[in-house]
């Protein structure tokens, strides 16, 4: 069996989950995430961080 933890999920008015009611404020709900999904999410975060750092370095070289 996979290990699962709750991960916050952001729901905004107009989402599929909000068909029959109006939300005044966004809600945070949890959903279960397995190990494979968690690893993929962490990998995406690392790639985004690396791309951001590379972009900042390139901008610094171009400006300096």
Protein backbone atom coordinates (compact mmCIF):
# COMPACT_ATOMS: atom_id res chain seq x y z
CA UNK A 1 0.00 0.00 0.00
CA UNK A 2 1.25 3.47 -0.83
CA UNK A 3 2.02 6.01 1.87
CA UNK A 4 -0.31 9.01 1.53
CA UNK A 5 -0.35 12.42 3.17
CA UNK A 6 -2.76 15.30 2.94
CA UNK A 7 -1.68 18.10 0.61
CA UNK A 8 -3.53 21.45 0.50
CA UNK A 9 -5.46 22.10 -2.70
CA UNK A 10 -6.75 25.54 -3.67
CA UNK A 11 -10.37 25.81 -4.86
CA UNK A 12 -11.64 29.03 -6.38
CA UNK A 13 -15.18 30.12 -7.21
CA UNK A 14 -16.16 28.70 -10.58
CA UNK A 15 -14.17 25.46 -10.19
CA UNK A 16 -15.96 22.22 -10.98
CA UNK A 17 -16.37 21.60 -7.26
CA UNK A 18 -18.29 24.87 -6.94
CA UNK A 19 -21.23 24.22 -9.27
CA UNK A 20 -24.16 24.71 -6.91
CA UNK A 21 -22.91 27.26 -4.39
CA UNK A 22 -21.17 30.61 -4.34
CA UNK A 23 -17.95 30.83 -2.36
CA UNK A 24 -17.17 34.18 -0.81
CA UNK A 25 -13.58 33.21 0.01
CA UNK A 26 -11.37 30.50 -1.52
CA UNK A 27 -11.24 27.25 0.44
CA UNK A 28 -8.33 24.97 1.16
CA UNK A 29 -9.07 21.26 1.13
CA UNK A 30 -6.78 18.27 1.39
CA UNK A 31 -6.42 15.35 -0.91
CA UNK A 32 -4.36 12.22 -0.58
CA UNK A 33 -1.07 12.11 -2.51
CA UNK A 34 0.91 8.94 -3.02
CA UNK A 35 4.71 8.69 -3.03
CA UNK A 36 5.00 8.69 -6.84
CA UNK A 37 2.90 11.86 -7.17
CA UNK A 38 4.80 13.56 -4.35
CA UNK A 39 8.16 12.79 -6.00
CA UNK A 40 6.89 14.19 -9.30
CA UNK A 41 5.67 17.38 -7.58
CA UNK A 42 9.02 17.80 -5.82
CA UNK A 43 10.89 17.27 -9.10
CA UNK A 44 8.77 19.97 -10.78
CA UNK A 45 9.52 22.35 -7.91
CA UNK A 46 13.27 21.69 -8.23
CA UNK A 47 13.15 22.23 -12.00
CA UNK A 48 11.27 25.50 -11.54
CA UNK A 49 13.76 26.66 -8.91
CA UNK A 50 16.70 25.78 -11.18
CA UNK A 51 15.12 27.56 -14.15
CA UNK A 52 14.42 30.64 -12.04
CA UNK A 53 17.99 30.71 -10.76
CA UNK A 54 19.34 30.33 -14.30
CA UNK A 55 17.10 33.14 -15.51
CA UNK A 56 18.26 35.41 -12.67
CA UNK A 57 21.92 34.65 -13.45
CA UNK A 58 21.39 35.40 -17.15
CA UNK A 59 19.64 38.66 -16.31
CA UNK A 60 22.49 39.63 -13.96
CA UNK A 61 25.06 38.93 -16.70
CA UNK A 62 23.10 40.94 -19.24
CA UNK A 63 22.68 43.89 -16.87
CA UNK A 64 26.18 43.85 -15.44
